[in-house]
Each structure stands twice: as C-alpha cells, then as structure tokens.
N, C-alpha and C. Protein backbone atom coordinates (compact mmCIF):
# COMPACT_ATOMS: atom_id res chain seq x y z
N MET A 1 0.80 -1.14 -0.02
CA MET A 1 -0.09 -0.02 0.03
C MET A 1 0.89 1.20 -0.01
N ASP A 2 0.61 2.20 -0.67
CA ASP A 2 1.34 3.49 -0.88
C ASP A 2 1.18 4.31 0.37
N VAL A 3 2.20 4.89 0.95
CA VAL A 3 2.09 5.86 1.94
C VAL A 3 2.57 7.21 1.52
N GLN A 4 1.93 8.19 1.73
CA GLN A 4 2.33 9.67 1.39
C GLN A 4 2.66 10.29 2.61
N ALA A 5 3.76 11.29 2.65
CA ALA A 5 4.22 12.10 3.75
C ALA A 5 3.24 13.21 3.68
N THR A 6 2.99 13.64 5.03
CA THR A 6 2.06 14.76 5.21
C THR A 6 2.68 15.94 5.05
N ASP A 7 1.73 17.13 4.68
CA ASP A 7 2.48 18.33 4.50
C ASP A 7 2.55 19.05 5.81
N GLY A 8 1.86 18.49 6.90
CA GLY A 8 1.61 19.24 8.17
C GLY A 8 2.94 19.25 8.85
N ASP A 9 2.92 19.65 10.15
CA ASP A 9 4.19 19.84 11.03
C ASP A 9 4.29 18.55 11.70
N ASP A 10 3.37 17.66 11.72
CA ASP A 10 3.44 16.46 12.52
C ASP A 10 4.10 15.31 11.80
N LEU A 11 5.53 15.15 12.21
CA LEU A 11 6.24 14.24 11.23
C LEU A 11 5.95 12.79 11.62
N HIS A 12 5.09 12.64 12.63
CA HIS A 12 4.81 11.09 12.96
C HIS A 12 3.41 10.80 12.42
N THR A 13 2.79 11.61 11.64
CA THR A 13 1.62 11.32 10.99
C THR A 13 1.79 11.05 9.45
N ARG A 14 1.12 9.90 8.95
CA ARG A 14 1.22 9.67 7.55
C ARG A 14 -0.23 9.25 7.09
N THR A 15 -0.53 9.54 5.81
CA THR A 15 -1.63 9.27 4.96
C THR A 15 -1.47 8.00 4.27
N VAL A 16 -2.38 7.14 4.44
CA VAL A 16 -2.37 5.98 3.71
C VAL A 16 -3.25 6.24 2.48
N VAL A 17 -2.75 5.92 1.25
CA VAL A 17 -3.55 6.11 0.00
C VAL A 17 -4.68 4.99 -0.08
N PRO A 18 -5.84 5.20 -0.19
CA PRO A 18 -6.78 3.96 -0.42
C PRO A 18 -6.74 3.42 -1.83
N THR A 19 -7.13 2.19 -1.89
CA THR A 19 -7.27 1.60 -3.07
C THR A 19 -8.58 2.26 -4.07
N ALA A 20 -8.43 1.90 -5.27
CA ALA A 20 -9.49 2.40 -6.09
C ALA A 20 -10.25 1.31 -6.74
N ASP A 21 -11.44 1.28 -6.74
CA ASP A 21 -12.43 0.40 -7.24
C ASP A 21 -12.86 0.73 -8.82
N VAL A 22 -12.90 -0.18 -9.54
CA VAL A 22 -13.33 0.11 -10.90
C VAL A 22 -14.69 -0.55 -11.08
N ASN A 23 -15.72 0.22 -11.37
CA ASN A 23 -17.08 -0.23 -11.79
C ASN A 23 -17.06 -1.06 -13.06
N SER A 24 -17.62 -2.11 -13.08
CA SER A 24 -17.59 -2.89 -14.56
C SER A 24 -18.56 -2.10 -15.34
N PHE A 25 -17.96 -1.82 -16.47
CA PHE A 25 -18.78 -0.90 -17.52
C PHE A 25 -18.81 -1.79 -18.76
N PRO A 26 -19.98 -1.50 -19.64
CA PRO A 26 -20.21 -2.44 -20.82
C PRO A 26 -19.03 -2.67 -21.74
N GLU A 27 -18.19 -1.95 -21.90
CA GLU A 27 -16.96 -2.17 -22.89
C GLU A 27 -16.06 -3.27 -22.16
N LEU A 28 -15.92 -2.87 -20.81
CA LEU A 28 -14.85 -3.82 -20.12
C LEU A 28 -15.58 -5.28 -20.08
N LEU A 29 -16.91 -5.27 -19.91
CA LEU A 29 -17.47 -6.52 -19.83
C LEU A 29 -17.63 -7.39 -21.15
N GLU A 30 -17.64 -6.53 -22.17
CA GLU A 30 -17.71 -7.20 -23.54
C GLU A 30 -16.26 -7.82 -23.83
N LEU A 31 -15.20 -7.09 -23.30
CA LEU A 31 -14.02 -7.74 -23.57
C LEU A 31 -13.56 -8.74 -22.60
N ILE A 32 -14.03 -8.83 -21.47
CA ILE A 32 -13.72 -9.83 -20.38
C ILE A 32 -15.07 -10.14 -19.77
N PRO A 33 -15.97 -10.79 -20.32
CA PRO A 33 -17.25 -11.30 -19.84
C PRO A 33 -16.99 -12.00 -18.32
N ASP A 34 -16.08 -12.91 -18.22
CA ASP A 34 -15.94 -13.63 -16.97
C ASP A 34 -15.76 -12.66 -15.74
N LEU A 35 -15.79 -11.42 -15.89
CA LEU A 35 -15.50 -10.40 -14.59
C LEU A 35 -16.63 -10.47 -13.69
N GLU A 36 -17.73 -10.96 -14.25
CA GLU A 36 -18.95 -11.14 -13.55
C GLU A 36 -19.14 -12.38 -12.84
N LYS A 37 -18.44 -13.38 -13.23
CA LYS A 37 -18.54 -14.75 -12.47
C LYS A 37 -17.81 -14.74 -11.29
N TYR A 38 -18.30 -15.44 -10.39
CA TYR A 38 -17.73 -15.64 -9.04
C TYR A 38 -16.33 -16.29 -9.21
N PHE A 39 -15.25 -15.82 -9.08
CA PHE A 39 -13.76 -16.22 -9.25
C PHE A 39 -13.62 -17.49 -8.68
N PHE A 40 -14.16 -17.83 -7.62
CA PHE A 40 -13.56 -19.07 -6.79
C PHE A 40 -14.66 -20.11 -7.05
N ARG A 41 -15.63 -19.91 -7.99
CA ARG A 41 -16.55 -21.02 -8.39
C ARG A 41 -16.62 -20.84 -9.75
N SER A 42 -15.58 -20.77 -10.52
CA SER A 42 -15.43 -20.70 -12.04
C SER A 42 -14.37 -21.63 -12.62
N PRO A 43 -14.59 -22.99 -12.21
CA PRO A 43 -13.36 -23.93 -12.71
C PRO A 43 -13.39 -23.93 -14.37
N LEU A 44 -12.27 -24.15 -14.67
CA LEU A 44 -11.87 -24.04 -16.12
C LEU A 44 -11.98 -25.58 -16.43
N ALA A 45 -12.63 -25.75 -17.61
CA ALA A 45 -12.83 -27.18 -18.14
C ALA A 45 -11.53 -27.68 -18.39
N GLU A 46 -11.34 -29.07 -18.02
CA GLU A 46 -10.14 -29.81 -18.34
C GLU A 46 -9.31 -29.67 -19.64
N LYS A 47 -10.15 -29.61 -20.79
CA LYS A 47 -9.72 -29.54 -22.00
C LYS A 47 -9.03 -28.09 -22.18
N ALA A 48 -9.88 -27.07 -21.86
CA ALA A 48 -9.47 -25.69 -21.94
C ALA A 48 -8.30 -25.35 -20.98
N ARG A 49 -8.13 -26.05 -19.90
CA ARG A 49 -6.93 -25.78 -19.01
C ARG A 49 -5.82 -26.45 -19.71
N LYS A 50 -5.96 -27.63 -20.24
CA LYS A 50 -4.90 -28.35 -20.86
C LYS A 50 -4.29 -27.63 -22.32
N ASP A 51 -5.39 -27.08 -22.78
CA ASP A 51 -4.96 -26.33 -23.97
C ASP A 51 -4.15 -25.14 -23.68
N ILE A 52 -4.48 -24.31 -22.78
CA ILE A 52 -3.73 -23.11 -22.34
C ILE A 52 -2.41 -23.49 -21.80
N ILE A 53 -2.22 -24.56 -20.98
CA ILE A 53 -1.02 -24.75 -20.51
C ILE A 53 -0.08 -25.55 -21.54
N TYR A 54 -0.51 -26.57 -22.23
CA TYR A 54 0.35 -27.34 -22.91
C TYR A 54 0.26 -26.70 -24.40
N GLY A 55 -0.32 -25.71 -24.71
CA GLY A 55 -0.06 -24.90 -25.78
C GLY A 55 0.94 -24.05 -25.82
N CYS A 56 1.54 -23.89 -24.73
CA CYS A 56 2.88 -23.10 -24.60
C CYS A 56 4.05 -23.89 -24.24
N PRO A 57 5.29 -23.63 -24.62
CA PRO A 57 6.47 -24.38 -24.35
C PRO A 57 6.85 -24.28 -23.00
N LYS A 58 7.59 -25.13 -22.40
CA LYS A 58 8.26 -24.94 -21.15
C LYS A 58 9.67 -24.23 -21.56
N PHE A 59 10.04 -23.42 -20.66
CA PHE A 59 11.33 -22.76 -20.87
C PHE A 59 12.35 -23.56 -20.08
N THR A 60 13.56 -23.95 -20.77
CA THR A 60 14.55 -24.69 -20.08
C THR A 60 15.13 -24.25 -18.76
N ARG A 61 15.23 -22.96 -18.47
CA ARG A 61 15.94 -22.61 -17.29
C ARG A 61 14.82 -22.36 -16.10
N MET A 62 13.56 -22.57 -16.41
CA MET A 62 12.32 -22.40 -15.22
C MET A 62 12.17 -23.79 -14.76
N ASN A 63 12.25 -23.71 -13.45
CA ASN A 63 11.99 -25.02 -12.92
C ASN A 63 10.42 -24.99 -12.40
N TYR A 64 9.81 -25.99 -13.07
CA TYR A 64 8.26 -25.92 -12.94
C TYR A 64 7.96 -26.91 -11.76
N GLN A 65 8.83 -27.70 -11.34
CA GLN A 65 8.83 -28.84 -10.37
C GLN A 65 8.84 -28.08 -8.85
N PRO A 66 7.86 -28.15 -8.13
CA PRO A 66 8.01 -27.78 -6.61
C PRO A 66 8.87 -28.59 -6.00
N PRO A 67 9.68 -28.10 -4.85
CA PRO A 67 10.36 -28.96 -3.98
C PRO A 67 9.74 -30.20 -3.41
N PRO A 68 10.36 -31.38 -3.49
CA PRO A 68 9.57 -32.58 -3.04
C PRO A 68 9.70 -32.66 -1.50
N LEU A 69 8.64 -33.55 -1.03
CA LEU A 69 8.67 -33.62 0.58
C LEU A 69 9.83 -34.65 0.86
N ASN A 70 10.25 -34.30 2.07
CA ASN A 70 11.32 -35.49 2.56
C ASN A 70 10.57 -36.94 2.58
N ASP A 71 11.34 -37.96 2.35
CA ASP A 71 10.80 -39.18 2.48
C ASP A 71 10.60 -39.65 3.86
N ALA A 72 11.18 -38.93 4.76
CA ALA A 72 11.05 -39.31 6.28
C ALA A 72 9.95 -38.73 6.80
N ALA A 73 9.16 -37.91 6.08
CA ALA A 73 8.04 -37.20 6.50
C ALA A 73 6.64 -38.32 6.84
N ALA A 74 5.89 -38.10 8.11
CA ALA A 74 5.06 -38.96 8.36
C ALA A 74 3.81 -38.99 7.32
N ALA A 75 3.05 -40.01 7.35
CA ALA A 75 1.93 -40.02 6.39
C ALA A 75 0.94 -38.97 6.55
N SER A 76 0.69 -38.48 7.78
CA SER A 76 -0.23 -37.49 7.88
C SER A 76 0.30 -36.12 7.27
N VAL A 77 1.62 -35.82 7.14
CA VAL A 77 2.27 -34.70 6.56
C VAL A 77 2.20 -35.05 5.11
N LYS A 78 2.37 -36.13 4.53
CA LYS A 78 2.26 -36.45 3.17
C LYS A 78 0.79 -36.12 2.45
N ARG A 79 -0.29 -36.49 3.39
CA ARG A 79 -1.62 -36.25 2.95
C ARG A 79 -1.85 -34.88 2.86
N THR A 80 -1.38 -33.98 3.84
CA THR A 80 -1.70 -32.50 3.66
C THR A 80 -0.76 -31.92 2.71
N ASP A 81 0.44 -32.28 2.55
CA ASP A 81 1.36 -31.66 1.62
C ASP A 81 0.91 -32.10 0.12
N ALA A 82 0.28 -33.10 -0.24
CA ALA A 82 -0.07 -33.35 -1.68
C ALA A 82 -0.99 -32.35 -2.16
N THR A 83 -1.84 -31.80 -1.28
CA THR A 83 -2.89 -30.72 -1.81
C THR A 83 -1.96 -29.62 -2.28
N LEU A 84 -1.12 -29.21 -1.38
CA LEU A 84 -0.33 -27.92 -1.43
C LEU A 84 0.53 -28.04 -2.79
N PHE A 85 1.17 -29.21 -2.84
CA PHE A 85 2.11 -29.64 -4.00
C PHE A 85 1.28 -29.30 -5.00
N LYS A 86 0.19 -29.92 -5.30
CA LYS A 86 -0.53 -29.74 -6.55
C LYS A 86 -0.89 -28.19 -6.84
N VAL A 87 -1.28 -27.40 -5.84
CA VAL A 87 -1.55 -26.10 -6.14
C VAL A 87 -0.21 -25.37 -6.60
N GLN A 88 1.04 -25.65 -6.05
CA GLN A 88 2.19 -25.20 -6.51
C GLN A 88 2.43 -25.50 -7.89
N LYS A 89 2.27 -26.76 -8.21
CA LYS A 89 2.45 -27.21 -9.60
C LYS A 89 1.59 -26.53 -10.44
N SER A 90 0.38 -26.38 -10.35
CA SER A 90 -0.59 -25.53 -11.09
C SER A 90 0.06 -24.12 -11.20
N LEU A 91 0.43 -23.54 -10.22
CA LEU A 91 0.80 -22.12 -10.21
C LEU A 91 2.05 -22.10 -11.14
N ALA A 92 3.12 -22.93 -11.03
CA ALA A 92 4.27 -22.98 -12.05
C ALA A 92 3.70 -23.16 -13.44
N ARG A 93 2.85 -23.96 -13.62
CA ARG A 93 2.32 -24.11 -15.03
C ARG A 93 1.46 -22.79 -15.51
N LEU A 94 1.05 -21.95 -14.62
CA LEU A 94 0.41 -20.82 -15.15
C LEU A 94 1.27 -19.74 -15.73
N THR A 95 2.74 -19.96 -15.37
CA THR A 95 3.63 -18.93 -15.85
C THR A 95 3.98 -19.51 -17.28
N ARG A 96 3.61 -20.46 -18.03
CA ARG A 96 3.95 -20.79 -19.30
C ARG A 96 3.36 -19.91 -20.30
N PRO A 97 2.01 -19.64 -20.23
CA PRO A 97 1.43 -18.63 -21.14
C PRO A 97 2.16 -17.19 -20.93
N LEU A 98 2.54 -16.89 -19.63
CA LEU A 98 3.13 -15.56 -19.61
C LEU A 98 4.55 -15.45 -20.38
N GLY A 99 5.32 -16.54 -20.02
CA GLY A 99 6.72 -16.55 -20.78
C GLY A 99 6.66 -16.69 -22.19
N HIS A 100 5.57 -17.40 -22.61
CA HIS A 100 5.43 -17.73 -23.98
C HIS A 100 5.00 -16.33 -24.86
N TYR A 101 4.33 -15.41 -24.02
CA TYR A 101 3.90 -14.15 -24.63
C TYR A 101 5.02 -13.45 -24.95
N VAL A 102 5.75 -13.30 -23.99
CA VAL A 102 7.14 -12.41 -24.00
C VAL A 102 7.95 -12.99 -25.17
N TYR A 103 8.12 -14.24 -25.13
CA TYR A 103 9.04 -14.93 -26.12
C TYR A 103 8.44 -14.62 -27.64
N GLU A 104 7.06 -14.61 -27.76
CA GLU A 104 6.66 -14.30 -29.03
C GLU A 104 6.82 -12.90 -29.44
N GLN A 105 6.76 -11.94 -28.49
CA GLN A 105 7.06 -10.51 -28.76
C GLN A 105 8.60 -10.41 -29.37
N ILE A 106 9.39 -11.16 -28.64
CA ILE A 106 10.82 -11.10 -29.13
C ILE A 106 10.99 -11.79 -30.43
N ARG A 107 10.39 -13.00 -30.60
CA ARG A 107 10.61 -13.69 -31.64
C ARG A 107 10.12 -12.94 -32.93
N GLN A 108 8.95 -12.11 -32.91
CA GLN A 108 8.43 -11.42 -33.85
C GLN A 108 9.08 -10.02 -34.11
N ARG A 109 10.21 -9.90 -33.28
CA ARG A 109 11.07 -8.83 -33.38
C ARG A 109 10.22 -7.47 -33.12
N ARG A 110 9.42 -7.63 -32.28
CA ARG A 110 8.67 -6.38 -31.84
C ARG A 110 9.56 -5.62 -30.71
N LEU A 111 9.33 -4.32 -30.84
CA LEU A 111 10.25 -3.61 -29.82
C LEU A 111 9.81 -3.92 -28.21
N VAL A 112 10.58 -4.50 -27.66
CA VAL A 112 10.33 -4.96 -26.32
C VAL A 112 11.23 -4.09 -25.21
N ASP A 113 10.54 -3.08 -24.76
CA ASP A 113 11.20 -2.14 -23.72
C ASP A 113 10.66 -2.60 -22.43
N LEU A 114 11.52 -3.31 -21.58
CA LEU A 114 11.26 -3.80 -20.37
C LEU A 114 10.69 -2.70 -19.34
N ASP A 115 11.02 -1.50 -19.44
CA ASP A 115 10.82 -0.47 -18.66
C ASP A 115 9.59 0.27 -18.97
N ASN A 116 9.16 0.33 -20.18
CA ASN A 116 8.09 1.14 -20.56
C ASN A 116 6.82 0.47 -21.32
N ASN A 117 7.15 -0.82 -21.69
CA ASN A 117 5.94 -1.60 -22.35
C ASN A 117 5.04 -2.17 -21.45
N GLU A 118 3.92 -1.59 -21.28
CA GLU A 118 2.77 -1.94 -20.19
C GLU A 118 2.50 -3.41 -20.38
N ASP A 119 2.45 -4.11 -21.49
CA ASP A 119 2.17 -5.58 -21.73
C ASP A 119 3.14 -6.43 -20.81
N ILE A 120 4.59 -6.10 -21.08
CA ILE A 120 5.73 -6.79 -20.56
C ILE A 120 5.73 -6.50 -19.01
N ILE A 121 5.43 -5.25 -18.68
CA ILE A 121 5.40 -4.92 -17.18
C ILE A 121 4.31 -5.63 -16.66
N LEU A 122 3.12 -5.76 -17.12
CA LEU A 122 1.96 -6.58 -16.49
C LEU A 122 2.23 -8.22 -16.49
N VAL A 123 2.98 -8.72 -17.43
CA VAL A 123 3.34 -9.97 -17.60
C VAL A 123 4.38 -10.35 -16.43
N GLU A 124 5.27 -9.53 -16.40
CA GLU A 124 6.20 -9.70 -15.44
C GLU A 124 5.80 -9.55 -13.73
N LYS A 125 4.77 -8.67 -13.75
CA LYS A 125 4.32 -8.49 -12.35
C LYS A 125 3.33 -9.74 -12.12
N MET A 126 2.59 -10.29 -13.07
CA MET A 126 1.84 -11.47 -12.77
C MET A 126 2.77 -12.66 -12.51
N ARG A 127 3.86 -12.63 -13.22
CA ARG A 127 4.69 -13.88 -12.90
C ARG A 127 5.46 -13.58 -11.51
N ALA A 128 5.67 -12.55 -11.16
CA ALA A 128 6.25 -12.30 -9.76
C ALA A 128 5.35 -12.64 -8.67
N MET A 129 3.91 -12.32 -9.04
CA MET A 129 2.78 -12.53 -8.12
C MET A 129 2.65 -14.13 -7.94
N LEU A 130 2.64 -14.92 -9.09
CA LEU A 130 2.55 -16.21 -9.11
C LEU A 130 3.71 -16.90 -8.39
N ALA A 131 5.01 -16.37 -8.53
CA ALA A 131 6.15 -16.81 -7.76
C ALA A 131 6.01 -16.59 -6.24
N GLY A 132 5.58 -15.39 -5.97
CA GLY A 132 5.32 -15.01 -4.43
C GLY A 132 4.36 -15.92 -3.82
N LEU A 133 3.34 -16.08 -4.55
CA LEU A 133 2.21 -17.22 -3.96
C LEU A 133 2.77 -18.54 -3.84
N ALA A 134 3.55 -18.96 -5.07
CA ALA A 134 4.14 -20.40 -4.83
C ALA A 134 5.05 -20.65 -3.77
N SER A 135 5.90 -19.32 -3.50
CA SER A 135 6.89 -19.34 -2.42
C SER A 135 6.20 -19.36 -0.97
N ALA A 136 5.03 -18.74 -0.92
CA ALA A 136 4.25 -18.61 0.24
C ALA A 136 3.85 -19.99 0.60
N ILE A 137 3.39 -20.82 -0.35
CA ILE A 137 2.83 -22.09 -0.41
C ILE A 137 4.00 -23.10 0.25
N THR A 138 5.13 -22.86 -0.41
CA THR A 138 6.32 -23.83 0.06
C THR A 138 6.59 -23.41 1.62
N GLN A 139 6.52 -22.12 2.04
CA GLN A 139 6.67 -22.09 3.46
C GLN A 139 5.60 -22.44 4.14
N ASP A 140 4.39 -22.49 3.66
CA ASP A 140 3.13 -23.16 4.43
C ASP A 140 3.59 -24.78 4.49
N ARG A 141 4.00 -25.42 3.26
CA ARG A 141 4.36 -26.69 3.45
C ARG A 141 5.42 -27.03 4.52
N ILE A 142 6.47 -26.09 4.68
CA ILE A 142 7.57 -26.37 5.76
C ILE A 142 7.00 -26.24 6.93
N ASP A 143 5.99 -25.14 7.08
CA ASP A 143 5.31 -25.09 8.46
C ASP A 143 4.48 -26.04 8.97
N SER A 144 3.84 -26.55 8.00
CA SER A 144 2.88 -27.66 8.12
C SER A 144 3.61 -28.92 8.49
N MET A 145 4.64 -29.26 7.86
CA MET A 145 5.48 -30.42 8.12
C MET A 145 6.05 -30.32 9.58
N HIS A 146 6.49 -29.03 9.91
CA HIS A 146 7.25 -28.94 11.27
C HIS A 146 6.07 -29.15 12.35
N LYS A 147 4.78 -28.44 12.11
CA LYS A 147 3.88 -28.61 13.23
C LYS A 147 3.33 -30.11 13.27
N ILE A 148 3.01 -30.56 12.17
CA ILE A 148 2.36 -32.05 12.27
C ILE A 148 3.41 -32.91 12.77
N MET A 149 4.59 -32.82 12.50
CA MET A 149 5.65 -33.86 13.14
C MET A 149 5.99 -33.46 14.57
N ASP A 150 5.54 -32.35 15.00
CA ASP A 150 5.74 -31.73 16.37
C ASP A 150 7.35 -31.64 16.44
N LEU A 151 8.08 -31.03 15.50
CA LEU A 151 9.49 -30.90 15.70
C LEU A 151 9.80 -29.62 16.43
N PRO A 152 10.96 -29.66 17.16
CA PRO A 152 11.34 -28.82 18.11
C PRO A 152 11.78 -27.31 17.37
N GLY A 153 11.66 -26.26 18.09
CA GLY A 153 11.98 -24.98 17.46
C GLY A 153 11.33 -24.52 16.39
N ARG A 154 11.82 -23.39 15.75
CA ARG A 154 10.95 -22.66 14.75
C ARG A 154 11.20 -23.41 13.53
N PRO A 155 10.15 -23.32 12.68
CA PRO A 155 10.46 -23.96 11.31
C PRO A 155 11.37 -23.15 10.53
N PRO A 156 12.26 -23.71 9.57
CA PRO A 156 13.09 -23.07 8.74
C PRO A 156 12.31 -22.11 7.90
N GLN A 157 13.00 -20.84 7.75
CA GLN A 157 12.30 -19.78 6.93
C GLN A 157 12.85 -19.74 5.40
N LEU A 158 12.00 -19.66 4.42
CA LEU A 158 12.71 -19.45 3.04
C LEU A 158 13.25 -18.20 2.94
N VAL A 159 12.66 -17.23 3.74
CA VAL A 159 13.31 -15.81 3.60
C VAL A 159 13.28 -15.36 5.10
N GLU A 160 14.56 -15.02 5.69
CA GLU A 160 14.51 -14.54 7.16
C GLU A 160 14.11 -13.15 7.11
N THR A 161 13.19 -12.91 8.03
CA THR A 161 12.62 -11.56 7.98
C THR A 161 13.38 -10.84 9.21
N SER A 162 13.49 -9.33 9.08
CA SER A 162 14.27 -8.54 9.95
C SER A 162 13.17 -8.19 11.17
N GLU A 163 12.17 -8.74 11.22
CA GLU A 163 11.03 -8.41 12.11
C GLU A 163 11.51 -8.48 13.58
N ASN A 164 11.25 -7.55 14.36
CA ASN A 164 11.72 -7.66 15.80
C ASN A 164 10.54 -8.10 16.47
N THR A 165 10.55 -9.18 17.19
CA THR A 165 9.53 -9.65 17.90
C THR A 165 9.22 -9.18 19.31
N LEU A 166 8.35 -9.14 19.93
CA LEU A 166 8.09 -8.55 21.30
C LEU A 166 9.15 -9.21 22.26
N VAL A 167 9.23 -10.54 22.13
CA VAL A 167 10.26 -11.22 23.08
C VAL A 167 10.93 -12.18 22.26
N MET A 168 12.37 -12.19 22.50
CA MET A 168 13.16 -13.09 21.63
C MET A 168 12.80 -14.51 21.77
N ASP A 169 13.01 -15.50 20.69
CA ASP A 169 12.49 -16.77 20.96
C ASP A 169 12.98 -17.46 22.04
N ASN A 170 14.26 -17.32 22.23
CA ASN A 170 15.03 -18.26 23.37
C ASN A 170 14.44 -17.72 24.77
N GLN A 171 14.17 -16.30 24.78
CA GLN A 171 13.54 -16.00 26.10
C GLN A 171 12.26 -16.39 26.28
N LEU A 172 11.41 -16.42 25.22
CA LEU A 172 10.01 -17.01 25.24
C LEU A 172 10.19 -18.62 25.81
N ASP A 173 11.09 -19.29 25.17
CA ASP A 173 11.10 -20.65 25.44
C ASP A 173 11.51 -20.89 26.94
N THR A 174 12.35 -19.93 27.45
CA THR A 174 12.74 -19.94 28.95
C THR A 174 11.63 -19.62 29.67
N LEU A 175 10.97 -18.59 29.40
CA LEU A 175 9.60 -18.20 30.09
C LEU A 175 8.68 -19.50 30.26
N LYS A 176 8.37 -20.09 29.09
CA LYS A 176 7.44 -21.15 28.92
C LYS A 176 7.81 -22.21 29.80
N SER A 177 9.13 -22.73 30.05
CA SER A 177 9.39 -23.86 30.72
C SER A 177 9.62 -23.63 32.21
C-alpha cells in the first residue's frame, strides 16, 4: 500500500492512500465477460486448461517442479502436503503462457522495452505474483510439516525477516518452561 508524507508539521503522521475500485462498464464486460463470474466458483474445463498450459512451451531455465517432500515425513504430513504440492505445480504451469507471450514478442522482433512496455510490465508483475504465492505455499508446506511432526524449534524460513518480535524466541522458551 502506498504511503504519502503529510504536508503538516506532525512528522509522525502519515496518510495511507486508499485503493481504487473500478465499476464494471459495458465495454470492459464485453472484452472480459468472466469478470461477472464468481472467481472462486468458476473452474476451467479440463480440456481448456490443458490447451492453455500445454499450448505453450516449457522454458529450459524455469524449474516447474515444486520441491519434493522429504521421504522421512509422516503419512499425515504427506496427505496434507499433496494438496499444497498440486497447487504449487498449477501455479508454476500458469507461468508458461506468460513466458510464451514475451517469447513471441521477441521472436516477432517487436520492440520490447522492459521499462516502458505496459504488456511486458504486466506479464512480469503477474509472474512475480505467482512466484510469490508459490513461495508462500512452500513456506506453508514447511510450517505444516514442522507442526504435524511436532518438531522442536522454529520452522526453517525461506526468507528470514528482520522483524523484531516482542520477546526473543529463546527468552520465550525460557519463560514457557
């Protein structure tokens, strides 16, 4: 969310910019009729899904395979993990049409300006958002395994945050015992 500095004398006050809502208008709905469908209850037909995904090539440097679960994980962990693994795999496959679009722009020798081409910027933002979601699911898989197997300590983090907690973990462990 964007934050703007205030023009007033109070340096400790900030104004948070609200988000904007766009009302669906006829031209928009004509171009994207699915906007009126309930997003979470609009499954794509299997054939249409396969046509979209497999109609685009895989890129050799892109790893489409989520990290596998350790063999030593308990059966209950494996059951929980299987669903998240499938979601991650689907997210990785969704990047194929995005990469293919950029590839076609380059192949057809269209001018591709990474900083100013709105199509390319949108594609990269979508790819980054899918990668962020897939990474969050990877962390959820780690956390889930850690919790279900009742492993000691804090689960390993994909990205260590610099967040300062109220009480340090070792102090909290001492207080709890």
